[in-house]
Amino acid sequence: MSQVAEQSTLTAAFEAMKAQPTFGSGGLATAREAAFRRFLAAGFPTTRQEEWRHTSIQPIAKTEFTLPSAYEISRAAAEPFLFADDLPHRVVLVNGRWSASLSSLAALPPGVTIRSMREAVEQPATLLVWVTTRPPAASPVR
């Protein structure tokens, strides 16, 4: 698949994501759109770039990404992948989203909180403000 076709597929997926009501939550729309524009301008890295010379990203570049249809699974389905129940802290992500029902957050250290991204953008914290306002990393020269 050519890079143009790959980017076209990802553009369609990004447009679908933009249609989600949470896309712009907490002012993230601008940051997400800017990041995607940077990706479109730079494209996928290639093995001709020094930092990527030993890593071909072709398998991921050829992957068709779609938004997940379900964000929760039963405990029985997750059980083979969970660590022992006696761990004091366990954060479980299902299709990239935090699952409160499968996570174990007992006795978190003082000052540590675990929230979903939705909760975080609805109540912005210093880190979230930093992530959405810092300048983008310099793009490598091709």
C-alpha atoms as a PDB file:
ATOM      1  CA  MET A   1       0.000   0.000   0.000  1.00  0.00           C
ATOM      2  CA  SER A   2       1.397   3.413  -0.889  1.00  0.00           C
ATOM      3  CA  GLN A   3       1.952   6.088   1.739  1.00  0.00           C
ATOM      4  CA  VAL A   4      -0.766   8.197   0.107  1.00  0.00           C
ATOM      5  CA  ALA A   5      -3.265   5.322   0.421  1.00  0.00           C
ATOM      6  CA  GLU A   6      -2.158   4.669   4.027  1.00  0.00           C
ATOM      7  CA  GLN A   7      -2.646   8.324   4.929  1.00  0.00           C
ATOM      8  CA  SER A   8      -6.009   8.360   3.156  1.00  0.00           C
ATOM      9  CA  THR A   9      -7.173   5.408   5.265  1.00  0.00           C
ATOM     10  CA  LEU A  10      -5.954   7.082   8.441  1.00  0.00           C
ATOM     11  CA  THR A  11      -7.571  10.366   7.412  1.00  0.00           C
ATOM     12  CA  ALA A  12     -10.917   8.588   7.112  1.00  0.00           C
ATOM     13  CA  ALA A  13     -10.441   7.042  10.566  1.00  0.00           C
ATOM     14  CA  PHE A  14      -9.449  10.419  12.008  1.00  0.00           C
ATOM     15  CA  GLU A  15     -12.547  12.057  10.498  1.00  0.00           C
ATOM     16  CA  ALA A  16     -14.686   9.337  12.108  1.00  0.00           C
ATOM     17  CA  MET A  17     -13.005  10.035  15.433  1.00  0.00           C
ATOM     18  CA  LYS A  18     -13.708  13.765  15.031  1.00  0.00           C
ATOM     19  CA  ALA A  19     -17.422  12.944  14.821  1.00  0.00           C
ATOM     20  CA  GLN A  20     -17.338  11.480  18.336  1.00  0.00           C
ATOM     21  CA  PRO A  21     -18.821  13.818  20.965  1.00  0.00           C
ATOM     22  CA  THR A  22     -15.701  13.517  23.148  1.00  0.00           C
ATOM     23  CA  PHE A  23     -13.227  14.472  20.401  1.00  0.00           C
ATOM     24  CA  GLY A  24     -12.960  18.080  21.529  1.00  0.00           C
ATOM     25  CA  SER A  25     -13.485  17.545  25.255  1.00  0.00           C
ATOM     26  CA  GLY A  26     -11.372  19.791  27.421  1.00  0.00           C
ATOM     27  CA  GLY A  27     -10.009  21.701  24.459  1.00  0.00           C
ATOM     28  CA  LEU A  28      -8.287  18.643  22.966  1.00  0.00           C
ATOM     29  CA  ALA A  29      -9.671  19.160  19.449  1.00  0.00           C
ATOM     30  CA  THR A  30      -7.028  21.743  18.529  1.00  0.00           C
ATOM     31  CA  ALA A  31      -4.165  19.615  19.868  1.00  0.00           C
ATOM     32  CA  ARG A  32      -5.440  16.467  18.133  1.00  0.00           C
ATOM     33  CA  GLU A  33      -5.933  18.236  14.805  1.00  0.00           C
ATOM     34  CA  ALA A  34      -2.465  19.823  14.990  1.00  0.00           C
ATOM     35  CA  ALA A  35      -0.867  16.465  15.782  1.00  0.00           C
ATOM     36  CA  PHE A  36      -2.634  14.807  12.857  1.00  0.00           C
ATOM     37  CA  ARG A  37      -1.576  17.603  10.490  1.00  0.00           C
ATOM     38  CA  ARG A  38       2.043  17.066  11.634  1.00  0.00           C
ATOM     39  CA  PHE A  39       1.687  13.356  10.934  1.00  0.00           C
ATOM     40  CA  LEU A  40       0.272  14.005   7.455  1.00  0.00           C
ATOM     41  CA  ALA A  41       3.145  16.387   6.695  1.00  0.00           C
ATOM     42  CA  ALA A  42       5.873  14.069   8.007  1.00  0.00           C
ATOM     43  CA  GLY A  43       4.340  10.736   7.019  1.00  0.00           C
ATOM     44  CA  PHE A  44       5.427   7.429   8.443  1.00  0.00           C
ATOM     45  CA  PRO A  45       9.102   7.092   9.332  1.00  0.00           C
ATOM     46  CA  THR A  46      11.199   4.927   7.044  1.00  0.00           C
ATOM     47  CA  THR A  47      14.337   2.844   7.483  1.00  0.00           C
ATOM     48  CA  ARG A  48      16.177   5.594   5.573  1.00  0.00           C
ATOM     49  CA  GLN A  49      15.934   7.722   8.718  1.00  0.00           C
ATOM     50  CA  GLU A  50      18.735   7.038  11.199  1.00  0.00           C
ATOM     51  CA  GLU A  51      16.418   6.691  14.185  1.00  0.00           C
ATOM     52  CA  TRP A  52      14.323   4.111  12.338  1.00  0.00           C
ATOM     53  CA  ARG A  53      16.971   2.234  10.337  1.00  0.00           C
ATOM     54  CA  HIS A  54      16.460  -0.996  12.307  1.00  0.00           C
ATOM     55  CA  THR A  55      12.694  -0.721  12.611  1.00  0.00           C
ATOM     56  CA  SER A  56      10.278  -1.197   9.759  1.00  0.00           C
ATOM     57  CA  ILE A  57       6.875   0.213  10.604  1.00  0.00           C
ATOM     58  CA  GLN A  58       5.264  -1.324   7.514  1.00  0.00           C
ATOM     59  CA  PRO A  59       3.176  -3.795   9.547  1.00  0.00           C
ATOM     60  CA  ILE A  60       1.592  -0.979  11.577  1.00  0.00           C
ATOM     61  CA  ALA A  61       1.356   1.310   8.546  1.00  0.00           C
ATOM     62  CA  LYS A  62      -0.684  -1.359   6.763  1.00  0.00           C
ATOM     63  CA  THR A  63      -3.021  -1.876   9.720  1.00  0.00           C
ATOM     64  CA  GLU A  64      -6.520  -0.543   9.247  1.00  0.00           C
ATOM     65  CA  PHE A  65      -7.496   1.269  12.423  1.00  0.00           C
ATOM     66  CA  THR A  66     -11.102   1.655  13.475  1.00  0.00           C
ATOM     67  CA  LEU A  67     -12.787   2.906  16.607  1.00  0.00           C
ATOM     68  CA  PRO A  68     -13.555   0.056  19.014  1.00  0.00           C
ATOM     69  CA  SER A  69     -17.184  -0.902  19.345  1.00  0.00           C
ATOM     70  CA  ALA A  70     -17.050  -2.023  22.975  1.00  0.00           C
ATOM     71  CA  TYR A  71     -15.113  -0.696  25.927  1.00  0.00           C
ATOM     72  CA  GLU A  72     -16.038  -3.130  28.663  1.00  0.00           C
ATOM     73  CA  ILE A  73     -15.548  -6.856  28.930  1.00  0.00           C
ATOM     74  CA  SER A  74     -16.565  -9.284  31.624  1.00  0.00           C
ATOM     75  CA  ARG A  75     -14.205 -10.118  34.454  1.00  0.00           C
ATOM     76  CA  ALA A  76     -14.255 -13.746  33.293  1.00  0.00           C
ATOM     77  CA  ALA A  77     -12.996 -12.736  29.840  1.00  0.00           C
ATOM     78  CA  ALA A  78     -10.241 -10.587  31.363  1.00  0.00           C
ATOM     79  CA  GLU A  79      -9.211 -13.018  34.113  1.00  0.00           C
ATOM     80  CA  PRO A  80      -6.489 -14.872  32.132  1.00  0.00           C
ATOM     81  CA  PHE A  81      -4.743 -11.538  31.547  1.00  0.00           C
ATOM     82  CA  LEU A  82      -5.008 -10.064  35.049  1.00  0.00           C
ATOM     83  CA  PHE A  83      -2.292 -10.318  37.656  1.00  0.00           C
ATOM     84  CA  ALA A  84      -3.004 -11.709  41.098  1.00  0.00           C
ATOM     85  CA  ASP A  85      -5.901 -10.108  42.944  1.00  0.00           C
ATOM     86  CA  ASP A  86      -3.672  -9.356  45.926  1.00  0.00           C
ATOM     87  CA  LEU A  87      -1.841  -6.568  44.077  1.00  0.00           C
ATOM     88  CA  PRO A  88      -2.744  -3.260  45.710  1.00  0.00           C
ATOM     89  CA  HIS A  89      -2.773  -1.348  42.409  1.00  0.00           C
ATOM     90  CA  ARG A  90      -3.850  -2.516  38.977  1.00  0.00           C
ATOM     91  CA  VAL A  91      -4.934  -0.308  36.087  1.00  0.00           C
ATOM     92  CA  VAL A  92      -6.717  -2.184  33.303  1.00  0.00           C
ATOM     93  CA  LEU A  93      -7.291  -0.703  29.856  1.00  0.00           C
ATOM     94  CA  VAL A  94      -9.821  -2.254  27.481  1.00  0.00           C
ATOM     95  CA  ASN A  95      -9.490  -1.098  23.885  1.00  0.00           C
ATOM     96  CA  GLY A  96      -7.460   1.844  25.134  1.00  0.00           C
ATOM     97  CA  ARG A  97      -9.977   2.922  27.773  1.00  0.00           C
ATOM     98  CA  TRP A  98      -9.663   2.625  31.514  1.00  0.00           C
ATOM     99  CA  SER A  99     -11.920  -0.004  33.041  1.00  0.00           C
ATOM    100  CA  ALA A 100     -12.783   0.986  36.594  1.00  0.00           C
ATOM    101  CA  SER A 101     -14.532  -2.339  37.220  1.00  0.00           C
ATOM    102  CA  LEU A 102     -11.438  -4.402  36.319  1.00  0.00           C
ATOM    103  CA  SER A 103      -8.915  -2.087  37.948  1.00  0.00           C
ATOM    104  CA  SER A 104      -7.789  -2.259  41.560  1.00  0.00           C
ATOM    105  CA  LEU A 105      -6.982   1.133  43.032  1.00  0.00           C
ATOM    106  CA  ALA A 106      -6.883   0.330  46.744  1.00  0.00           C
ATOM    107  CA  ALA A 107      -4.308   2.196  48.818  1.00  0.00           C
ATOM    108  CA  LEU A 108      -2.908   4.472  46.128  1.00  0.00           C
ATOM    109  CA  PRO A 109       0.009   6.576  47.390  1.00  0.00           C
ATOM    110  CA  PRO A 110      -0.869  10.113  48.526  1.00  0.00           C
ATOM    111  CA  GLY A 111      -1.334  12.486  45.593  1.00  0.00           C
ATOM    112  CA  VAL A 112      -1.854   9.717  43.018  1.00  0.00           C
ATOM    113  CA  THR A 113      -5.203   9.632  41.261  1.00  0.00           C
ATOM    114  CA  ILE A 114      -6.456   7.453  38.439  1.00  0.00           C
ATOM    115  CA  ARG A 115      -9.153   8.865  36.186  1.00  0.00           C
ATOM    116  CA  SER A 116     -10.466   8.210  32.733  1.00  0.00           C
ATOM    117  CA  MET A 117      -9.354  10.618  30.034  1.00  0.00           C
ATOM    118  CA  ARG A 118     -12.918  11.946  29.908  1.00  0.00           C
ATOM    119  CA  GLU A 119     -12.824  12.756  33.628  1.00  0.00           C
ATOM    120  CA  ALA A 120      -9.375  14.302  33.256  1.00  0.00           C
ATOM    121  CA  VAL A 121     -10.417  16.666  30.458  1.00  0.00           C
ATOM    122  CA  GLU A 122     -13.597  17.632  32.283  1.00  0.00           C
ATOM    123  CA  GLN A 123     -11.488  18.593  35.311  1.00  0.00           C
ATOM    124  CA  PRO A 124      -8.180  19.694  33.737  1.00  0.00           C
ATOM    125  CA  ALA A 125      -5.055  19.050  35.737  1.00  0.00           C
ATOM    126  CA  THR A 126      -1.666  20.697  35.336  1.00  0.00           C
ATOM    127  CA  LEU A 127      -0.311  17.775  33.303  1.00  0.00           C
ATOM    128  CA  LEU A 128      -3.198  17.863  30.843  1.00  0.00           C
ATOM    129  CA  VAL A 129      -2.727  21.593  30.348  1.00  0.00           C
ATOM    130  CA  TRP A 130       1.001  20.990  29.748  1.00  0.00           C
ATOM    131  CA  VAL A 131       0.342  18.205  27.224  1.00  0.00           C
ATOM    132  CA  THR A 132      -2.093  20.272  25.163  1.00  0.00           C
ATOM    133  CA  THR A 133      -0.101  23.512  25.183  1.00  0.00           C
ATOM    134  CA  ARG A 134       3.540  22.466  24.809  1.00  0.00           C
ATOM    135  CA  PRO A 135       5.134  22.940  21.391  1.00  0.00           C
ATOM    136  CA  PRO A 136       5.479  19.854  19.188  1.00  0.00           C
ATOM    137  CA  ALA A 137       8.747  17.970  19.140  1.00  0.00           C
ATOM    138  CA  ALA A 138      11.039  18.867  16.282  1.00  0.00           C
ATOM    139  CA  SER A 139      10.500  16.688  13.235  1.00  0.00           C
ATOM    140  CA  PRO A 140      13.546  14.760  12.037  1.00  0.00           C
ATOM    141  CA  VAL A 141      15.072  15.923   8.784  1.00  0.00           C
ATOM    142  CA  ARG A 142      14.607  13.459   5.956  1.00  0.00           C
END
